[in-house]
Amino acid sequence: MKPEAVEKITVLEENGDPIATTIITTYELLKGAYLSRTCEESLAKITEILSSMQVLDLTFKACN
């Protein structure tokens, strides 16, 4: 992970701000994990990261 991203997440957590990602990003992360040479390890890492986040639904309104 990029140090800047880790720092940003740390600040958000310290401030009690919600951490969220989109369903599209979730798909991309999981697809990358499935295609990696270390599939099981990658899936475990992604699953752990995503378990602490809210995954936002893709709605028509979100696309506008």
N, C-alpha and C. Protein backbone atom coordinates (compact mmCIF):
# COMPACT_ATOMS: atom_id res chain seq x y z
N MET A 1 0.83 -1.18 0.00
CA MET A 1 0.00 0.00 0.00
C MET A 1 0.88 1.25 0.00
N LYS A 2 0.33 2.29 -0.57
CA LYS A 2 1.04 3.56 -0.59
C LYS A 2 1.00 4.18 0.80
N PRO A 3 2.14 4.73 1.26
CA PRO A 3 2.17 5.35 2.59
C PRO A 3 1.13 6.47 2.75
N GLU A 4 0.88 7.21 1.68
CA GLU A 4 -0.11 8.30 1.74
C GLU A 4 -1.51 7.76 2.01
N ALA A 5 -1.82 6.62 1.40
CA ALA A 5 -3.13 6.01 1.60
C ALA A 5 -3.28 5.50 3.03
N VAL A 6 -2.23 4.88 3.54
CA VAL A 6 -2.26 4.38 4.91
C VAL A 6 -2.43 5.54 5.89
N GLU A 7 -1.72 6.64 5.64
CA GLU A 7 -1.83 7.82 6.50
C GLU A 7 -3.25 8.39 6.47
N LYS A 8 -3.83 8.47 5.29
CA LYS A 8 -5.19 9.00 5.15
C LYS A 8 -6.20 8.13 5.90
N ILE A 9 -6.09 6.83 5.76
CA ILE A 9 -7.00 5.91 6.45
C ILE A 9 -6.82 6.04 7.96
N THR A 10 -5.58 6.16 8.41
CA THR A 10 -5.31 6.32 9.84
C THR A 10 -5.98 7.58 10.38
N VAL A 11 -5.87 8.68 9.66
CA VAL A 11 -6.49 9.94 10.08
C VAL A 11 -8.01 9.80 10.12
N LEU A 12 -8.59 9.17 9.10
CA LEU A 12 -10.03 8.97 9.08
C LEU A 12 -10.49 8.15 10.29
N GLU A 13 -9.77 7.08 10.58
CA GLU A 13 -10.12 6.23 11.71
C GLU A 13 -10.00 6.98 13.03
N GLU A 14 -8.93 7.77 13.18
CA GLU A 14 -8.72 8.53 14.41
C GLU A 14 -9.83 9.56 14.61
N ASN A 15 -10.35 10.12 13.52
CA ASN A 15 -11.42 11.11 13.59
C ASN A 15 -12.80 10.47 13.69
N GLY A 16 -12.87 9.15 13.60
CA GLY A 16 -14.15 8.45 13.66
C GLY A 16 -14.96 8.58 12.38
N ASP A 17 -14.31 8.98 11.29
CA ASP A 17 -14.99 9.12 10.00
C ASP A 17 -15.18 7.74 9.37
N PRO A 18 -16.29 7.55 8.66
CA PRO A 18 -16.51 6.26 8.01
C PRO A 18 -15.54 6.06 6.85
N ILE A 19 -15.16 4.83 6.65
CA ILE A 19 -14.30 4.48 5.52
C ILE A 19 -15.14 3.62 4.58
N ALA A 20 -15.21 4.05 3.34
CA ALA A 20 -16.08 3.36 2.38
C ALA A 20 -15.37 3.23 1.04
N THR A 21 -15.86 2.31 0.26
CA THR A 21 -15.39 2.13 -1.10
C THR A 21 -16.59 1.79 -1.96
N THR A 22 -16.40 1.76 -3.24
CA THR A 22 -17.51 1.46 -4.14
C THR A 22 -17.53 -0.03 -4.48
N ILE A 23 -18.68 -0.47 -4.95
CA ILE A 23 -18.81 -1.85 -5.38
C ILE A 23 -17.90 -2.13 -6.58
N ILE A 24 -17.68 -1.11 -7.40
CA ILE A 24 -16.80 -1.28 -8.56
C ILE A 24 -15.36 -1.52 -8.11
N THR A 25 -14.90 -0.74 -7.15
CA THR A 25 -13.55 -0.94 -6.62
C THR A 25 -13.43 -2.30 -5.95
N THR A 26 -14.47 -2.71 -5.25
CA THR A 26 -14.49 -4.02 -4.62
C THR A 26 -14.33 -5.12 -5.67
N TYR A 27 -15.08 -5.00 -6.76
CA TYR A 27 -14.98 -5.97 -7.86
C TYR A 27 -13.55 -6.00 -8.41
N GLU A 28 -12.97 -4.83 -8.65
CA GLU A 28 -11.63 -4.77 -9.22
C GLU A 28 -10.59 -5.40 -8.30
N LEU A 29 -10.72 -5.14 -7.01
CA LEU A 29 -9.78 -5.73 -6.05
C LEU A 29 -9.91 -7.25 -6.01
N LEU A 30 -11.14 -7.75 -5.99
CA LEU A 30 -11.35 -9.19 -5.96
C LEU A 30 -10.90 -9.86 -7.25
N LYS A 31 -11.17 -9.24 -8.38
CA LYS A 31 -10.73 -9.79 -9.66
C LYS A 31 -9.21 -9.89 -9.70
N GLY A 32 -8.55 -8.81 -9.24
CA GLY A 32 -7.09 -8.82 -9.19
C GLY A 32 -6.56 -9.92 -8.29
N ALA A 33 -7.23 -10.14 -7.17
CA ALA A 33 -6.81 -11.19 -6.26
C ALA A 33 -6.97 -12.56 -6.90
N TYR A 34 -8.09 -12.79 -7.57
CA TYR A 34 -8.32 -14.08 -8.23
C TYR A 34 -7.31 -14.34 -9.34
N LEU A 35 -6.85 -13.29 -10.00
CA LEU A 35 -5.90 -13.45 -11.11
C LEU A 35 -4.44 -13.48 -10.66
N SER A 36 -4.20 -13.23 -9.39
CA SER A 36 -2.82 -13.18 -8.91
C SER A 36 -2.24 -14.58 -8.74
N ARG A 37 -0.93 -14.64 -8.69
CA ARG A 37 -0.26 -15.93 -8.49
C ARG A 37 -0.47 -16.46 -7.08
N THR A 38 -0.75 -15.52 -6.16
CA THR A 38 -0.99 -15.90 -4.77
C THR A 38 -2.46 -15.64 -4.44
N CYS A 39 -3.33 -16.31 -5.16
CA CYS A 39 -4.77 -16.08 -5.09
C CYS A 39 -5.32 -16.16 -3.67
N GLU A 40 -5.07 -17.22 -2.96
CA GLU A 40 -5.64 -17.40 -1.62
C GLU A 40 -5.15 -16.32 -0.66
N GLU A 41 -3.86 -16.02 -0.71
CA GLU A 41 -3.29 -14.99 0.16
C GLU A 41 -3.87 -13.62 -0.19
N SER A 42 -3.97 -13.33 -1.47
CA SER A 42 -4.51 -12.04 -1.91
C SER A 42 -5.98 -11.90 -1.52
N LEU A 43 -6.75 -12.95 -1.71
CA LEU A 43 -8.17 -12.93 -1.32
C LEU A 43 -8.34 -12.70 0.18
N ALA A 44 -7.48 -13.32 0.97
CA ALA A 44 -7.55 -13.15 2.42
C ALA A 44 -7.27 -11.70 2.80
N LYS A 45 -6.27 -11.10 2.18
CA LYS A 45 -5.92 -9.70 2.47
C LYS A 45 -7.05 -8.76 2.07
N ILE A 46 -7.57 -8.95 0.86
CA ILE A 46 -8.65 -8.08 0.36
C ILE A 46 -9.90 -8.24 1.23
N THR A 47 -10.23 -9.46 1.57
CA THR A 47 -11.40 -9.71 2.41
C THR A 47 -11.25 -9.04 3.77
N GLU A 48 -10.07 -9.11 4.34
CA GLU A 48 -9.83 -8.47 5.63
C GLU A 48 -9.98 -6.95 5.52
N ILE A 49 -9.41 -6.36 4.50
CA ILE A 49 -9.51 -4.92 4.30
C ILE A 49 -10.96 -4.50 4.09
N LEU A 50 -11.66 -5.20 3.23
CA LEU A 50 -13.04 -4.84 2.91
C LEU A 50 -14.00 -5.05 4.08
N SER A 51 -13.66 -5.97 4.98
CA SER A 51 -14.55 -6.24 6.11
C SER A 51 -14.66 -5.05 7.06
N SER A 52 -13.70 -4.15 7.00
CA SER A 52 -13.74 -2.98 7.89
C SER A 52 -14.29 -1.74 7.18
N MET A 53 -14.76 -1.91 5.96
CA MET A 53 -15.27 -0.78 5.18
C MET A 53 -16.73 -0.97 4.82
N GLN A 54 -17.37 0.15 4.57
CA GLN A 54 -18.70 0.12 4.00
C GLN A 54 -18.53 0.04 2.48
N VAL A 55 -19.26 -0.86 1.84
CA VAL A 55 -19.23 -0.96 0.38
C VAL A 55 -20.49 -0.30 -0.15
N LEU A 56 -20.30 0.78 -0.90
CA LEU A 56 -21.41 1.57 -1.40
C LEU A 56 -22.03 0.92 -2.62
N ASP A 57 -23.35 0.88 -2.64
CA ASP A 57 -24.07 0.34 -3.79
C ASP A 57 -23.95 1.24 -5.00
N LEU A 58 -24.05 0.66 -6.16
CA LEU A 58 -24.07 1.42 -7.39
C LEU A 58 -25.53 1.65 -7.76
N THR A 59 -25.93 2.89 -7.70
CA THR A 59 -27.30 3.25 -8.03
C THR A 59 -27.29 4.19 -9.25
N PHE A 60 -28.44 4.37 -9.82
CA PHE A 60 -28.57 5.30 -10.95
C PHE A 60 -28.14 6.70 -10.52
N LYS A 61 -28.56 7.11 -9.33
CA LYS A 61 -28.22 8.43 -8.83
C LYS A 61 -26.71 8.59 -8.67
N ALA A 62 -26.03 7.55 -8.21
CA ALA A 62 -24.59 7.61 -8.03
C ALA A 62 -23.85 7.75 -9.36
N CYS A 63 -24.46 7.31 -10.44
CA CYS A 63 -23.84 7.39 -11.76
C CYS A 63 -23.96 8.77 -12.39
N ASN A 64 -24.87 9.58 -11.90
CA ASN A 64 -25.07 10.92 -12.46
C ASN A 64 -24.10 11.92 -11.92
